[in-house]
């Protein structure tokens, strides 16, 4: 049964509101349960007490998951001001500010005169459902308790 200070290995799938799979991870990923795991709080809470083979289903609204969609995180510019490699839908550009912080923006619109980039997470503003299968549970080693598990999931 999953409890604090155990290394839990899972696979998972995320569906959007329409039931479309937006991410599926079949390769096992591990985390240290109950210790800054990087998982959404509601997902980790649902895994508490589960056993190998169990599947948990957890729905997260935008506030619990990937956040609300923020229109201030979009930017449009004249197409001639945008390098050619970023003039196609789905292209990803990384920008840095003076403090060294970075943000990835995805091209979400291109027409004859403008390109629009969006810095919101692709699932921002959406309710998503996680389907998480427990593959393995074991006690963490002293090193893992001190340093965490090297292979962290992207359930965050």
C-alpha atoms as a PDB file:
ATOM      1  CA  UNK A   1       0.000   0.000   0.000  1.00  0.00           C
ATOM      2  CA  UNK A   2       1.343   3.402  -0.964  1.00  0.00           C
ATOM      3  CA  UNK A   3       2.432   5.583   1.936  1.00  0.00           C
ATOM      4  CA  UNK A   4       4.920   8.360   2.644  1.00  0.00           C
ATOM      5  CA  UNK A   5       8.599   7.701   1.886  1.00  0.00           C
ATOM      6  CA  UNK A   6       7.971   5.002  -0.690  1.00  0.00           C
ATOM      7  CA  UNK A   7       9.155   5.030  -4.277  1.00  0.00           C
ATOM      8  CA  UNK A   8       6.094   4.542  -6.456  1.00  0.00           C
ATOM      9  CA  UNK A   9       6.332   3.645 -10.127  1.00  0.00           C
ATOM     10  CA  UNK A  10       3.380   4.431 -12.371  1.00  0.00           C
ATOM     11  CA  UNK A  11       2.265   4.815 -15.956  1.00  0.00           C
ATOM     12  CA  UNK A  12      -0.455   7.299 -16.845  1.00  0.00           C
ATOM     13  CA  UNK A  13      -2.715   8.838 -19.439  1.00  0.00           C
ATOM     14  CA  UNK A  14      -4.305  12.302 -19.487  1.00  0.00           C
ATOM     15  CA  UNK A  15      -7.571  13.058 -21.285  1.00  0.00           C
ATOM     16  CA  UNK A  16      -9.067  16.468 -21.975  1.00  0.00           C
ATOM     17  CA  UNK A  17     -12.732  17.405 -21.522  1.00  0.00           C
ATOM     18  CA  UNK A  18     -13.697  15.754 -24.807  1.00  0.00           C
ATOM     19  CA  UNK A  19     -12.135  12.422 -23.838  1.00  0.00           C
ATOM     20  CA  UNK A  20      -9.216  12.861 -26.228  1.00  0.00           C
ATOM     21  CA  UNK A  21      -5.899  11.530 -24.945  1.00  0.00           C
ATOM     22  CA  UNK A  22      -3.522  14.490 -24.735  1.00  0.00           C
ATOM     23  CA  UNK A  23      -0.629  12.656 -23.103  1.00  0.00           C
ATOM     24  CA  UNK A  24       0.116   8.979 -22.532  1.00  0.00           C
ATOM     25  CA  UNK A  25       3.185   7.690 -20.705  1.00  0.00           C
ATOM     26  CA  UNK A  26       3.618   3.937 -20.906  1.00  0.00           C
ATOM     27  CA  UNK A  27       7.281   4.041 -19.890  1.00  0.00           C
ATOM     28  CA  UNK A  28       7.305   3.648 -16.099  1.00  0.00           C
ATOM     29  CA  UNK A  29       8.020   6.806 -14.125  1.00  0.00           C
ATOM     30  CA  UNK A  30       8.851   6.910 -10.418  1.00  0.00           C
ATOM     31  CA  UNK A  31       8.385   9.430  -7.638  1.00  0.00           C
ATOM     32  CA  UNK A  32       8.935   9.651  -3.875  1.00  0.00           C
ATOM     33  CA  UNK A  33       5.483   9.623  -2.291  1.00  0.00           C
ATOM     34  CA  UNK A  34       4.683  12.354   0.229  1.00  0.00           C
ATOM     35  CA  UNK A  35       7.840  14.382  -0.356  1.00  0.00           C
ATOM     36  CA  UNK A  36       7.722  17.196  -2.897  1.00  0.00           C
ATOM     37  CA  UNK A  37       6.939  14.625  -5.558  1.00  0.00           C
ATOM     38  CA  UNK A  38       6.068  17.085  -8.296  1.00  0.00           C
ATOM     39  CA  UNK A  39       2.678  15.447  -8.768  1.00  0.00           C
ATOM     40  CA  UNK A  40      -0.520  17.406  -8.587  1.00  0.00           C
ATOM     41  CA  UNK A  41      -1.664  17.270  -4.965  1.00  0.00           C
ATOM     42  CA  UNK A  42      -5.008  15.683  -5.837  1.00  0.00           C
ATOM     43  CA  UNK A  43      -3.315  12.945  -7.920  1.00  0.00           C
ATOM     44  CA  UNK A  44      -0.857  12.093  -5.160  1.00  0.00           C
ATOM     45  CA  UNK A  45      -3.665  12.041  -2.563  1.00  0.00           C
ATOM     46  CA  UNK A  46      -5.654   9.619  -4.737  1.00  0.00           C
ATOM     47  CA  UNK A  47      -2.657   7.267  -4.881  1.00  0.00           C
ATOM     48  CA  UNK A  48      -2.297   7.134  -1.070  1.00  0.00           C
ATOM     49  CA  UNK A  49      -3.118   3.616   0.160  1.00  0.00           C
ATOM     50  CA  UNK A  50      -3.280   2.071  -3.321  1.00  0.00           C
ATOM     51  CA  UNK A  51      -1.570  -1.203  -4.275  1.00  0.00           C
ATOM     52  CA  UNK A  52       0.306  -2.514  -7.308  1.00  0.00           C
ATOM     53  CA  UNK A  53      -2.144  -2.976 -10.166  1.00  0.00           C
ATOM     54  CA  UNK A  54      -4.599  -0.356  -8.927  1.00  0.00           C
ATOM     55  CA  UNK A  55      -5.731   2.334 -11.348  1.00  0.00           C
ATOM     56  CA  UNK A  56      -6.851   5.712 -10.046  1.00  0.00           C
ATOM     57  CA  UNK A  57      -8.913   8.206 -12.008  1.00  0.00           C
ATOM     58  CA  UNK A  58      -8.615  11.841 -10.993  1.00  0.00           C
ATOM     59  CA  UNK A  59     -10.238  14.854 -12.641  1.00  0.00           C
ATOM     60  CA  UNK A  60      -8.603  18.241 -12.191  1.00  0.00           C
ATOM     61  CA  UNK A  61     -10.274  21.536 -12.978  1.00  0.00           C
ATOM     62  CA  UNK A  62      -8.008  24.349 -14.230  1.00  0.00           C
ATOM     63  CA  UNK A  63      -7.333  25.675 -10.708  1.00  0.00           C
ATOM     64  CA  UNK A  64      -6.258  22.196  -9.542  1.00  0.00           C
ATOM     65  CA  UNK A  65      -4.347  21.367 -12.704  1.00  0.00           C
ATOM     66  CA  UNK A  66      -2.671  23.438 -15.385  1.00  0.00           C
ATOM     67  CA  UNK A  67      -4.128  26.821 -14.420  1.00  0.00           C
ATOM     68  CA  UNK A  68      -6.556  29.197 -16.023  1.00  0.00           C
ATOM     69  CA  UNK A  69      -5.870  30.390 -19.567  1.00  0.00           C
ATOM     70  CA  UNK A  70      -4.367  33.871 -19.326  1.00  0.00           C
ATOM     71  CA  UNK A  71      -4.877  36.129 -22.364  1.00  0.00           C
ATOM     72  CA  UNK A  72      -1.921  38.255 -21.214  1.00  0.00           C
ATOM     73  CA  UNK A  73       0.336  35.286 -22.047  1.00  0.00           C
ATOM     74  CA  UNK A  74      -0.360  35.641 -25.793  1.00  0.00           C
ATOM     75  CA  UNK A  75       1.536  37.860 -28.178  1.00  0.00           C
ATOM     76  CA  UNK A  76       0.918  38.725 -31.835  1.00  0.00           C
ATOM     77  CA  UNK A  77       3.410  40.348 -34.175  1.00  0.00           C
ATOM     78  CA  UNK A  78       3.704  41.176 -37.850  1.00  0.00           C
ATOM     79  CA  UNK A  79       4.866  38.106 -39.734  1.00  0.00           C
ATOM     80  CA  UNK A  80       7.884  39.932 -41.163  1.00  0.00           C
ATOM     81  CA  UNK A  81       9.183  40.467 -37.587  1.00  0.00           C
ATOM     82  CA  UNK A  82       9.116  36.730 -36.863  1.00  0.00           C
ATOM     83  CA  UNK A  83      11.959  34.436 -37.988  1.00  0.00           C
ATOM     84  CA  UNK A  84      10.842  31.986 -40.710  1.00  0.00           C
ATOM     85  CA  UNK A  85      11.206  28.906 -38.465  1.00  0.00           C
ATOM     86  CA  UNK A  86       8.454  30.316 -36.186  1.00  0.00           C
ATOM     87  CA  UNK A  87       5.937  31.056 -38.931  1.00  0.00           C
ATOM     88  CA  UNK A  88       4.190  27.676 -38.668  1.00  0.00           C
ATOM     89  CA  UNK A  89       1.522  26.330 -36.310  1.00  0.00           C
ATOM     90  CA  UNK A  90       2.941  24.384 -33.379  1.00  0.00           C
ATOM     91  CA  UNK A  91       6.441  25.870 -33.591  1.00  0.00           C
ATOM     92  CA  UNK A  92       7.905  26.456 -30.123  1.00  0.00           C
ATOM     93  CA  UNK A  93      10.106  29.416 -29.234  1.00  0.00           C
ATOM     94  CA  UNK A  94      11.890  29.960 -25.927  1.00  0.00           C
ATOM     95  CA  UNK A  95      12.293  33.475 -24.569  1.00  0.00           C
ATOM     96  CA  UNK A  96      14.427  34.698 -21.642  1.00  0.00           C
ATOM     97  CA  UNK A  97      14.030  37.793 -19.498  1.00  0.00           C
ATOM     98  CA  UNK A  98      16.733  39.798 -17.747  1.00  0.00           C
ATOM     99  CA  UNK A  99      16.341  37.703 -14.575  1.00  0.00           C
ATOM    100  CA  UNK A 100      17.288  34.550 -16.469  1.00  0.00           C
ATOM    101  CA  UNK A 101      13.751  33.137 -16.403  1.00  0.00           C
ATOM    102  CA  UNK A 102      12.538  31.432 -19.541  1.00  0.00           C
ATOM    103  CA  UNK A 103       9.148  30.810 -21.070  1.00  0.00           C
ATOM    104  CA  UNK A 104       8.208  28.573 -23.948  1.00  0.00           C
ATOM    105  CA  UNK A 105       5.646  29.965 -26.347  1.00  0.00           C
ATOM    106  CA  UNK A 106       3.831  27.988 -29.007  1.00  0.00           C
ATOM    107  CA  UNK A 107       2.682  29.414 -32.336  1.00  0.00           C
ATOM    108  CA  UNK A 108      -1.112  29.112 -32.250  1.00  0.00           C
ATOM    109  CA  UNK A 109      -2.116  31.236 -35.253  1.00  0.00           C
ATOM    110  CA  UNK A 110      -0.520  32.239 -38.544  1.00  0.00           C
ATOM    111  CA  UNK A 111      -2.120  34.225 -41.338  1.00  0.00           C
ATOM    112  CA  UNK A 112      -0.850  36.421 -44.162  1.00  0.00           C
ATOM    113  CA  UNK A 113       0.053  39.275 -41.822  1.00  0.00           C
ATOM    114  CA  UNK A 114       0.511  38.028 -38.238  1.00  0.00           C
ATOM    115  CA  UNK A 115       1.871  35.286 -36.034  1.00  0.00           C
ATOM    116  CA  UNK A 116       0.408  34.628 -32.577  1.00  0.00           C
ATOM    117  CA  UNK A 117       2.404  32.949 -29.807  1.00  0.00           C
ATOM    118  CA  UNK A 118       0.854  31.578 -26.613  1.00  0.00           C
ATOM    119  CA  UNK A 119       2.853  31.119 -23.392  1.00  0.00           C
ATOM    120  CA  UNK A 120       0.040  29.324 -21.549  1.00  0.00           C
ATOM    121  CA  UNK A 121       0.423  25.616 -20.863  1.00  0.00           C
ATOM    122  CA  UNK A 122      -1.404  23.761 -23.673  1.00  0.00           C
ATOM    123  CA  UNK A 123      -3.872  22.396 -21.083  1.00  0.00           C
ATOM    124  CA  UNK A 124      -4.449  25.732 -19.314  1.00  0.00           C
ATOM    125  CA  UNK A 125      -8.134  26.482 -18.859  1.00  0.00           C
ATOM    126  CA  UNK A 126      -9.126  22.852 -19.359  1.00  0.00           C
ATOM    127  CA  UNK A 127     -10.454  20.199 -17.033  1.00  0.00           C
ATOM    128  CA  UNK A 128      -8.331  17.074 -17.455  1.00  0.00           C
ATOM    129  CA  UNK A 129      -8.617  13.521 -16.223  1.00  0.00           C
ATOM    130  CA  UNK A 130      -5.606  11.470 -15.149  1.00  0.00           C
ATOM    131  CA  UNK A 131      -5.681   7.676 -15.336  1.00  0.00           C
ATOM    132  CA  UNK A 132      -2.742   6.431 -13.270  1.00  0.00           C
ATOM    133  CA  UNK A 133      -1.752   2.760 -12.962  1.00  0.00           C
ATOM    134  CA  UNK A 134       0.431   1.684 -10.032  1.00  0.00           C
ATOM    135  CA  UNK A 135       3.213  -0.541 -11.358  1.00  0.00           C
ATOM    136  CA  UNK A 136       5.535  -0.890  -8.354  1.00  0.00           C
ATOM    137  CA  UNK A 137       5.902   0.222  -4.739  1.00  0.00           C
ATOM    138  CA  UNK A 138       9.012  -0.082  -2.597  1.00  0.00           C
ATOM    139  CA  UNK A 139      10.576   1.596   0.420  1.00  0.00           C
ATOM    140  CA  UNK A 140      12.900   4.447  -0.490  1.00  0.00           C
ATOM    141  CA  UNK A 141      16.613   4.054   0.151  1.00  0.00           C
ATOM    142  CA  UNK A 142      18.315   6.484   2.574  1.00  0.00           C
ATOM    143  CA  UNK A 143      19.902   8.184  -0.451  1.00  0.00           C
ATOM    144  CA  UNK A 144      16.497   8.621  -2.126  1.00  0.00           C
ATOM    145  CA  UNK A 145      15.044  10.016   1.100  1.00  0.00           C
ATOM    146  CA  UNK A 146      17.848  12.573   1.150  1.00  0.00           C
ATOM    147  CA  UNK A 147      18.095  13.395  -2.575  1.00  0.00           C
ATOM    148  CA  UNK A 148      14.804  12.292  -4.089  1.00  0.00           C
ATOM    149  CA  UNK A 149      14.227   9.910  -6.961  1.00  0.00           C
ATOM    150  CA  UNK A 150      16.251  10.787 -10.057  1.00  0.00           C
ATOM    151  CA  UNK A 151      13.527   9.851 -12.545  1.00  0.00           C
ATOM    152  CA  UNK A 152      10.684  12.273 -11.887  1.00  0.00           C
ATOM    153  CA  UNK A 153       7.291  12.078 -13.612  1.00  0.00           C
ATOM    154  CA  UNK A 154       5.688  14.844 -15.581  1.00  0.00           C
ATOM    155  CA  UNK A 155       2.398  14.675 -13.718  1.00  0.00           C
ATOM    156  CA  UNK A 156       2.692  18.333 -12.829  1.00  0.00           C
END
